[in-house]
Each structure stands twice: as structure tokens, then as C-alpha cells.
């Protein structure tokens, strides 16, 4: 595999994430499918006391990682896996 540095390909502040999460997209894990790439990431929701609670979300890209196809609408793994194509 040859590595090609792309820089930042996703900014969570540009998208509406589930549970009011807005600031973080950390610890990415990618799954490559025939026609898209799904990247799971940890995002954070701030609770009433100001502490952060992590949630798992995903973003789907085209195979070239140049275009966002979809962003998860739920952070619950049981509902997000239902959207596999």
C-alpha cells in the first residue's frame, strides 16, 4: 500500500451530527466497500455540567475520499449499521 497524505478530509463543524455533537472527529476507523468508504469516528456531546460524553458516528465518502456521501444521523451502533448499502 502506498500512502498519500490528504490532510483534513472531514470537518465535523460543517455537518449536523447526532446528539448535538459538534466539535470532535477523533480516532477514525475506515471500512472500504466496493463503492464507498465508511469512516467511523468518536465525537463528543457536552452535558449539562460541561463534561464531554463520547459517541460513535460515521461519514461515508466516495472511494477517492474527495466527496462526503452521507453523515450518520444516529450515534447508536444498532441503528447506524442498518444504513449499510
PDB file of N, CA and C in Angstrom:
ATOM      1  N   UNK A   1       0.842  -1.170   0.000  1.00  0.00           N
ATOM      2  CA  UNK A   1       0.000   0.000   0.000  1.00  0.00           C
ATOM      3  C   UNK A   1       0.890   1.237   0.000  1.00  0.00           C
ATOM      4  N   UNK A   2       0.572   2.164  -0.849  1.00  0.00           N
ATOM      5  CA  UNK A   2       1.296   3.422  -0.893  1.00  0.00           C
ATOM      6  C   UNK A   2       0.454   4.500  -0.213  1.00  0.00           C
ATOM      7  N   UNK A   3       1.070   5.198   0.721  1.00  0.00           N
ATOM      8  CA  UNK A   3       0.385   6.238   1.499  1.00  0.00           C
ATOM      9  C   UNK A   3       0.383   7.548   0.736  1.00  0.00           C
ATOM     10  N   UNK A   4      -0.780   8.197   0.696  1.00  0.00           N
ATOM     11  CA  UNK A   4      -0.895   9.519   0.098  1.00  0.00           C
ATOM     12  C   UNK A   4      -1.543  10.443   1.126  1.00  0.00           C
ATOM     13  N   UNK A   5      -0.804  11.437   1.591  1.00  0.00           N
ATOM     14  CA  UNK A   5      -1.321  12.347   2.604  1.00  0.00           C
ATOM     15  C   UNK A   5      -2.344  13.282   1.980  1.00  0.00           C
ATOM     16  N   UNK A   6      -3.555  13.290   2.530  1.00  0.00           N
ATOM     17  CA  UNK A   6      -4.636  14.129   2.021  1.00  0.00           C
ATOM     18  C   UNK A   6      -4.911  15.344   2.897  1.00  0.00           C
ATOM     19  N   UNK A   7      -4.445  15.330   4.120  1.00  0.00           N
ATOM     20  CA  UNK A   7      -4.775  16.407   5.048  1.00  0.00           C
ATOM     21  C   UNK A   7      -6.173  16.180   5.621  1.00  0.00           C
ATOM     22  N   UNK A   8      -6.809  17.221   6.083  1.00  0.00           N
ATOM     23  CA  UNK A   8      -8.137  17.102   6.676  1.00  0.00           C
ATOM     24  C   UNK A   8      -9.168  16.881   5.583  1.00  0.00           C
ATOM     25  N   UNK A   9      -9.905  15.779   5.689  1.00  0.00           N
ATOM     26  CA  UNK A   9     -10.934  15.472   4.688  1.00  0.00           C
ATOM     27  C   UNK A   9     -12.343  15.624   5.232  1.00  0.00           C
ATOM     28  N   UNK A  10     -12.474  15.833   6.549  1.00  0.00           N
ATOM     29  CA  UNK A  10     -13.798  15.960   7.167  1.00  0.00           C
ATOM     30  C   UNK A  10     -13.715  16.931   8.328  1.00  0.00           C
ATOM     31  N   UNK A  11     -14.634  17.871   8.361  1.00  0.00           N
ATOM     32  CA  UNK A  11     -14.729  18.824   9.469  1.00  0.00           C
ATOM     33  C   UNK A  11     -16.110  18.647  10.103  1.00  0.00           C
ATOM     34  N   UNK A  12     -16.183  18.133  11.332  1.00  0.00           N
ATOM     35  CA  UNK A  12     -17.480  17.890  11.958  1.00  0.00           C
ATOM     36  C   UNK A  12     -18.307  19.153  12.169  1.00  0.00           C
ATOM     37  N   UNK A  13     -17.664  20.301  12.207  1.00  0.00           N
ATOM     38  CA  UNK A  13     -18.420  21.539  12.411  1.00  0.00           C
ATOM     39  C   UNK A  13     -19.191  21.951  11.163  1.00  0.00           C
ATOM     40  N   UNK A  14     -18.912  21.315  10.039  1.00  0.00           N
ATOM     41  CA  UNK A  14     -19.632  21.608   8.794  1.00  0.00           C
ATOM     42  C   UNK A  14     -20.877  20.749   8.613  1.00  0.00           C
ATOM     43  N   UNK A  15     -21.144  19.840   9.572  1.00  0.00           N
ATOM     44  CA  UNK A  15     -22.238  18.880   9.422  1.00  0.00           C
ATOM     45  C   UNK A  15     -23.050  18.801  10.702  1.00  0.00           C
ATOM     46  N   UNK A  16     -24.296  18.400  10.565  1.00  0.00           N
ATOM     47  CA  UNK A  16     -25.152  18.191  11.727  1.00  0.00           C
ATOM     48  C   UNK A  16     -24.966  16.752  12.199  1.00  0.00           C
ATOM     49  N   UNK A  17     -24.324  16.597  13.351  1.00  0.00           N
ATOM     50  CA  UNK A  17     -24.067  15.273  13.909  1.00  0.00           C
ATOM     51  C   UNK A  17     -25.149  14.927  14.933  1.00  0.00           C
ATOM     52  N   UNK A  18     -25.372  13.642  15.190  1.00  0.00           N
ATOM     53  CA  UNK A  18     -26.394  13.251  16.157  1.00  0.00           C
ATOM     54  C   UNK A  18     -26.053  13.697  17.582  1.00  0.00           C
ATOM     55  N   UNK A  19     -27.063  13.796  18.414  1.00  0.00           N
ATOM     56  CA  UNK A  19     -26.949  14.121  19.839  1.00  0.00           C
ATOM     57  C   UNK A  19     -26.331  15.487  20.124  1.00  0.00           C
ATOM     58  N   UNK A  20     -26.380  16.396  19.175  1.00  0.00           N
ATOM     59  CA  UNK A  20     -25.820  17.717  19.403  1.00  0.00           C
ATOM     60  C   UNK A  20     -24.298  17.746  19.441  1.00  0.00           C
ATOM     61  N   UNK A  21     -23.663  16.705  18.933  1.00  0.00           N
ATOM     62  CA  UNK A  21     -22.195  16.676  18.877  1.00  0.00           C
ATOM     63  C   UNK A  21     -21.732  17.644  17.800  1.00  0.00           C
ATOM     64  N   UNK A  22     -20.683  18.416  18.123  1.00  0.00           N
ATOM     65  CA  UNK A  22     -20.283  19.443  17.162  1.00  0.00           C
ATOM     66  C   UNK A  22     -18.785  19.581  16.936  1.00  0.00           C
ATOM     67  N   UNK A  23     -17.960  19.208  17.869  1.00  0.00           N
ATOM     68  CA  UNK A  23     -16.577  19.642  17.805  1.00  0.00           C
ATOM     69  C   UNK A  23     -15.549  18.593  17.410  1.00  0.00           C
ATOM     70  N   UNK A  24     -15.774  17.346  17.623  1.00  0.00           N
ATOM     71  CA  UNK A  24     -14.700  16.372  17.511  1.00  0.00           C
ATOM     72  C   UNK A  24     -14.992  15.294  16.470  1.00  0.00           C
ATOM     73  N   UNK A  25     -13.937  14.847  15.803  1.00  0.00           N
ATOM     74  CA  UNK A  25     -13.973  13.662  14.940  1.00  0.00           C
ATOM     75  C   UNK A  25     -12.621  12.983  15.127  1.00  0.00           C
ATOM     76  N   UNK A  26     -12.530  12.181  16.173  1.00  0.00           N
ATOM     77  CA  UNK A  26     -11.236  11.589  16.523  1.00  0.00           C
ATOM     78  C   UNK A  26     -11.281  10.077  16.460  1.00  0.00           C
ATOM     79  N   UNK A  27     -10.116   9.467  16.426  1.00  0.00           N
ATOM     80  CA  UNK A  27      -9.933   8.023  16.391  1.00  0.00           C
ATOM     81  C   UNK A  27     -10.647   7.374  15.198  1.00  0.00           C
ATOM     82  N   UNK A  28     -10.346   7.807  13.990  1.00  0.00           N
ATOM     83  CA  UNK A  28     -11.037   7.269  12.811  1.00  0.00           C
ATOM     84  C   UNK A  28     -10.686   5.817  12.521  1.00  0.00           C
ATOM     85  N   UNK A  29     -11.678   5.071  12.075  1.00  0.00           N
ATOM     86  CA  UNK A  29     -11.523   3.673  11.663  1.00  0.00           C
ATOM     87  C   UNK A  29     -12.285   3.505  10.361  1.00  0.00           C
ATOM     88  N   UNK A  30     -11.618   3.060   9.310  1.00  0.00           N
ATOM     89  CA  UNK A  30     -12.234   3.001   7.979  1.00  0.00           C
ATOM     90  C   UNK A  30     -12.611   1.582   7.576  1.00  0.00           C
ATOM     91  N   UNK A  31     -13.737   1.469   6.897  1.00  0.00           N
ATOM     92  CA  UNK A  31     -14.173   0.237   6.234  1.00  0.00           C
ATOM     93  C   UNK A  31     -14.331   0.567   4.757  1.00  0.00           C
ATOM     94  N   UNK A  32     -13.669  -0.186   3.908  1.00  0.00           N
ATOM     95  CA  UNK A  32     -13.704   0.075   2.467  1.00  0.00           C
ATOM     96  C   UNK A  32     -14.681  -0.888   1.816  1.00  0.00           C
ATOM     97  N   UNK A  33     -15.674  -0.347   1.124  1.00  0.00           N
ATOM     98  CA  UNK A  33     -16.665  -1.125   0.391  1.00  0.00           C
ATOM     99  C   UNK A  33     -16.437  -0.953  -1.106  1.00  0.00           C
ATOM    100  N   UNK A  34     -17.173  -1.657  -1.893  1.00  0.00           N
ATOM    101  CA  UNK A  34     -16.995  -1.614  -3.348  1.00  0.00           C
ATOM    102  C   UNK A  34     -17.194  -0.218  -3.924  1.00  0.00           C
ATOM    103  N   UNK A  35     -18.166   0.528  -3.391  1.00  0.00           N
ATOM    104  CA  UNK A  35     -18.467   1.832  -3.985  1.00  0.00           C
ATOM    105  C   UNK A  35     -18.362   3.021  -3.028  1.00  0.00           C
ATOM    106  N   UNK A  36     -17.934   2.795  -1.795  1.00  0.00           N
ATOM    107  CA  UNK A  36     -17.759   3.902  -0.853  1.00  0.00           C
ATOM    108  C   UNK A  36     -16.838   3.481   0.286  1.00  0.00           C
ATOM    109  N   UNK A  37     -16.396   4.456   1.062  1.00  0.00           N
ATOM    110  CA  UNK A  37     -15.577   4.217   2.252  1.00  0.00           C
ATOM    111  C   UNK A  37     -16.323   4.800   3.442  1.00  0.00           C
ATOM    112  N   UNK A  38     -16.561   3.976   4.464  1.00  0.00           N
ATOM    113  CA  UNK A  38     -17.215   4.450   5.684  1.00  0.00           C
ATOM    114  C   UNK A  38     -16.151   4.628   6.751  1.00  0.00           C
ATOM    115  N   UNK A  39     -16.114   5.808   7.346  1.00  0.00           N
ATOM    116  CA  UNK A  39     -15.163   6.092   8.411  1.00  0.00           C
ATOM    117  C   UNK A  39     -15.940   6.352   9.697  1.00  0.00           C
ATOM    118  N   UNK A  40     -15.735   5.453  10.664  1.00  0.00           N
ATOM    119  CA  UNK A  40     -16.318   5.629  11.988  1.00  0.00           C
ATOM    120  C   UNK A  40     -15.380   6.516  12.794  1.00  0.00           C
ATOM    121  N   UNK A  41     -15.943   7.353  13.658  1.00  0.00           N
ATOM    122  CA  UNK A  41     -15.128   8.235  14.484  1.00  0.00           C
ATOM    123  C   UNK A  41     -15.843   8.511  15.790  1.00  0.00           C
ATOM    124  N   UNK A  42     -15.079   8.960  16.753  1.00  0.00           N
ATOM    125  CA  UNK A  42     -15.632   9.357  18.037  1.00  0.00           C
ATOM    126  C   UNK A  42     -15.879  10.859  18.013  1.00  0.00           C
ATOM    127  N   UNK A  43     -17.060  11.243  18.439  1.00  0.00           N
ATOM    128  CA  UNK A  43     -17.405  12.659  18.539  1.00  0.00           C
ATOM    129  C   UNK A  43     -17.913  12.916  19.956  1.00  0.00           C
ATOM    130  N   UNK A  44     -18.065  14.150  20.311  1.00  0.00           N
ATOM    131  CA  UNK A  44     -18.395  14.463  21.701  1.00  0.00           C
ATOM    132  C   UNK A  44     -19.593  15.387  21.822  1.00  0.00           C
ATOM    133  N   UNK A  45     -20.358  15.113  22.874  1.00  0.00           N
ATOM    134  CA  UNK A  45     -21.501  15.939  23.270  1.00  0.00           C
ATOM    135  C   UNK A  45     -21.181  16.506  24.650  1.00  0.00           C
ATOM    136  N   UNK A  46     -21.423  17.771  24.831  1.00  0.00           N
ATOM    137  CA  UNK A  46     -21.194  18.379  26.144  1.00  0.00           C
ATOM    138  C   UNK A  46     -22.470  18.250  26.974  1.00  0.00           C
ATOM    139  N   UNK A  47     -22.345  17.715  28.191  1.00  0.00           N
ATOM    140  CA  UNK A  47     -23.515  17.564  29.047  1.00  0.00           C
ATOM    141  C   UNK A  47     -23.768  18.839  29.849  1.00  0.00           C
ATOM    142  N   UNK A  48     -24.795  18.791  30.698  1.00  0.00           N
ATOM    143  CA  UNK A  48     -25.201  19.975  31.450  1.00  0.00           C
ATOM    144  C   UNK A  48     -24.107  20.499  32.366  1.00  0.00           C
ATOM    145  N   UNK A  49     -23.248  19.616  32.847  1.00  0.00           N
ATOM    146  CA  UNK A  49     -22.179  20.034  33.763  1.00  0.00           C
ATOM    147  C   UNK A  49     -20.926  20.512  33.018  1.00  0.00           C
ATOM    148  N   UNK A  50     -20.955  20.476  31.684  1.00  0.00           N
ATOM    149  CA  UNK A  50     -19.811  20.921  30.904  1.00  0.00           C
ATOM    150  C   UNK A  50     -18.831  19.825  30.544  1.00  0.00           C
ATOM    151  N   UNK A  51     -19.115  18.609  30.995  1.00  0.00           N
ATOM    152  CA  UNK A  51     -18.242  17.473  30.670  1.00  0.00           C
ATOM    153  C   UNK A  51     -18.652  16.890  29.322  1.00  0.00           C
ATOM    154  N   UNK A  52     -17.707  16.230  28.678  1.00  0.00           N
ATOM    155  CA  UNK A  52     -17.966  15.645  27.363  1.00  0.00           C
ATOM    156  C   UNK A  52     -18.315  14.168  27.469  1.00  0.00           C
ATOM    157  N   UNK A  53     -19.250  13.745  26.630  1.00  0.00           N
ATOM    158  CA  UNK A  53     -19.657  12.350  26.514  1.00  0.00           C
ATOM    159  C   UNK A  53     -19.395  11.918  25.075  1.00  0.00           C
ATOM    160  N   UNK A  54     -18.645  10.852  24.896  1.00  0.00           N
ATOM    161  CA  UNK A  54     -18.299  10.392  23.550  1.00  0.00           C
ATOM    162  C   UNK A  54     -19.423   9.593  22.909  1.00  0.00           C
ATOM    163  N   UNK A  55     -19.541   9.736  21.599  1.00  0.00           N
ATOM    164  CA  UNK A  55     -20.496   8.981  20.782  1.00  0.00           C
ATOM    165  C   UNK A  55     -19.766   8.507  19.529  1.00  0.00           C
ATOM    166  N   UNK A  56     -20.240   7.414  18.973  1.00  0.00           N
ATOM    167  CA  UNK A  56     -19.682   6.911  17.722  1.00  0.00           C
ATOM    168  C   UNK A  56     -20.571   7.363  16.578  1.00  0.00           C
ATOM    169  N   UNK A  57     -19.960   7.949  15.565  1.00  0.00           N
ATOM    170  CA  UNK A  57     -20.666   8.374  14.358  1.00  0.00           C
ATOM    171  C   UNK A  57     -19.880   7.885  13.152  1.00  0.00           C
ATOM    172  N   UNK A  58     -20.423   8.116  11.965  1.00  0.00           N
ATOM    173  CA  UNK A  58     -19.674   7.753  10.764  1.00  0.00           C
ATOM    174  C   UNK A  58     -19.913   8.764   9.664  1.00  0.00           C
ATOM    175  N   UNK A  59     -19.020   8.747   8.708  1.00  0.00           N
ATOM    176  CA  UNK A  59     -19.158   9.540   7.491  1.00  0.00           C
ATOM    177  C   UNK A  59     -18.827   8.616   6.323  1.00  0.00           C
ATOM    178  N   UNK A  60     -19.633   8.676   5.272  1.00  0.00           N
ATOM    179  CA  UNK A  60     -19.383   7.904   4.060  1.00  0.00           C
ATOM    180  C   UNK A  60     -18.778   8.818   3.005  1.00  0.00           C
ATOM    181  N   UNK A  61     -17.700   8.353   2.387  1.00  0.00           N
ATOM    182  CA  UNK A  61     -17.023   9.075   1.310  1.00  0.00           C
ATOM    183  C   UNK A  61     -17.067   8.255   0.033  1.00  0.00           C
ATOM    184  N   UNK A  62     -16.865   8.931  -1.088  1.00  0.00           N
ATOM    185  CA  UNK A  62     -16.618   8.195  -2.324  1.00  0.00           C
ATOM    186  C   UNK A  62     -15.266   7.488  -2.178  1.00  0.00           C
ATOM    187  N   UNK A  63     -14.937   6.610  -3.096  1.00  0.00           N
ATOM    188  CA  UNK A  63     -13.710   5.817  -2.974  1.00  0.00           C
ATOM    189  C   UNK A  63     -12.435   6.668  -3.026  1.00  0.00           C
ATOM    190  N   UNK A  64     -12.513   7.872  -3.590  1.00  0.00           N
ATOM    191  CA  UNK A  64     -11.338   8.744  -3.664  1.00  0.00           C
ATOM    192  C   UNK A  64     -11.195   9.644  -2.423  1.00  0.00           C
ATOM    193  N   UNK A  65     -12.142   9.534  -1.493  1.00  0.00           N
ATOM    194  CA  UNK A  65     -12.177  10.351  -0.271  1.00  0.00           C
ATOM    195  C   UNK A  65     -12.242  11.840  -0.578  1.00  0.00           C
ATOM    196  N   UNK A  66     -12.884  12.179  -1.688  1.00  0.00           N
ATOM    197  CA  UNK A  66     -12.971  13.579  -2.083  1.00  0.00           C
ATOM    198  C   UNK A  66     -14.358  14.178  -1.902  1.00  0.00           C
ATOM    199  N   UNK A  67     -15.365  13.322  -1.654  1.00  0.00           N
ATOM    200  CA  UNK A  67     -16.744  13.823  -1.554  1.00  0.00           C
ATOM    201  C   UNK A  67     -17.482  13.076  -0.452  1.00  0.00           C
ATOM    202  N   UNK A  68     -18.118  13.832   0.443  1.00  0.00           N
ATOM    203  CA  UNK A  68     -18.944  13.232   1.502  1.00  0.00           C
ATOM    204  C   UNK A  68     -20.267  12.794   0.879  1.00  0.00           C
ATOM    205  N   UNK A  69     -20.610  11.524   1.076  1.00  0.00           N
ATOM    206  CA  UNK A  69     -21.866  10.990   0.559  1.00  0.00           C
ATOM    207  C   UNK A  69     -22.977  11.042   1.602  1.00  0.00           C
ATOM    208  N   UNK A  70     -22.598  10.778   2.853  1.00  0.00           N
ATOM    209  CA  UNK A  70     -23.598  10.733   3.930  1.00  0.00           C
ATOM    210  C   UNK A  70     -22.893  10.856   5.271  1.00  0.00           C
ATOM    211  N   UNK A  71     -23.590  11.464   6.232  1.00  0.00           N
ATOM    212  CA  UNK A  71     -23.113  11.539   7.608  1.00  0.00           C
ATOM    213  C   UNK A  71     -24.173  10.883   8.474  1.00  0.00           C
ATOM    214  N   UNK A  72     -23.733  10.104   9.468  1.00  0.00           N
ATOM    215  CA  UNK A  72     -24.688   9.375  10.309  1.00  0.00           C
ATOM    216  C   UNK A  72     -25.689  10.319  10.946  1.00  0.00           C
ATOM    217  N   UNK A  73     -26.884   9.807  11.101  1.00  0.00           N
ATOM    218  CA  UNK A  73     -27.958  10.576  11.721  1.00  0.00           C
ATOM    219  C   UNK A  73     -28.243  10.080  13.136  1.00  0.00           C
ATOM    220  N   UNK A  74     -27.651   8.930  13.495  1.00  0.00           N
ATOM    221  CA  UNK A  74     -27.798   8.330  14.821  1.00  0.00           C
ATOM    222  C   UNK A  74     -26.417   7.933  15.317  1.00  0.00           C
ATOM    223  N   UNK A  75     -26.205   7.966  16.616  1.00  0.00           N
ATOM    224  CA  UNK A  75     -24.921   7.526  17.150  1.00  0.00           C
ATOM    225  C   UNK A  75     -24.996   6.132  17.731  1.00  0.00           C
ATOM    226  N   UNK A  76     -26.159   5.560  17.784  1.00  0.00           N
ATOM    227  CA  UNK A  76     -26.345   4.207  18.292  1.00  0.00           C
ATOM    228  C   UNK A  76     -25.891   3.216  17.227  1.00  0.00           C
ATOM    229  N   UNK A  77     -24.941   2.356  17.552  1.00  0.00           N
ATOM    230  CA  UNK A  77     -24.388   1.407  16.572  1.00  0.00           C
ATOM    231  C   UNK A  77     -25.459   0.502  15.985  1.00  0.00           C
ATOM    232  N   UNK A  78     -26.482   0.167  16.746  1.00  0.00           N
ATOM    233  CA  UNK A  78     -27.510  -0.730  16.220  1.00  0.00           C
ATOM    234  C   UNK A  78     -28.338  -0.069  15.125  1.00  0.00           C
ATOM    235  N   UNK A  79     -28.467   1.252  15.137  1.00  0.00           N
ATOM    236  CA  UNK A  79     -29.223   1.926  14.084  1.00  0.00           C
ATOM    237  C   UNK A  79     -28.330   2.347  12.925  1.00  0.00           C
ATOM    238  N   UNK A  80     -27.061   2.666  13.191  1.00  0.00           N
ATOM    239  CA  UNK A  80     -26.190   3.110  12.113  1.00  0.00           C
ATOM    240  C   UNK A  80     -25.821   1.958  11.192  1.00  0.00           C
ATOM    241  N   UNK A  81     -25.738   0.741  11.694  1.00  0.00           N
ATOM    242  CA  UNK A  81     -25.398  -0.379  10.822  1.00  0.00           C
ATOM    243  C   UNK A  81     -26.534  -0.719   9.885  1.00  0.00           C
ATOM    244  N   UNK A  82     -27.734  -0.279  10.196  1.00  0.00           N
ATOM    245  CA  UNK A  82     -28.869  -0.533   9.303  1.00  0.00           C
ATOM    246  C   UNK A  82     -28.759   0.249   8.006  1.00  0.00           C
ATOM    247  N   UNK A  83     -27.903   1.252   7.975  1.00  0.00           N
ATOM    248  CA  UNK A  83     -27.799   2.069   6.767  1.00  0.00           C
ATOM    249  C   UNK A  83     -26.713   1.578   5.810  1.00  0.00           C
ATOM    250  N   UNK A  84     -26.132   0.407   6.065  1.00  0.00           N
ATOM    251  CA  UNK A  84     -25.171  -0.149   5.105  1.00  0.00           C
ATOM    252  C   UNK A  84     -25.844  -0.313   3.777  1.00  0.00           C
ATOM    253  N   UNK A  85     -25.106  -0.037   2.717  1.00  0.00           N
ATOM    254  CA  UNK A  85     -25.692  -0.137   1.387  1.00  0.00           C
ATOM    255  C   UNK A  85     -25.503  -1.517   0.819  1.00  0.00           C
TER     256      UNK A  85
END
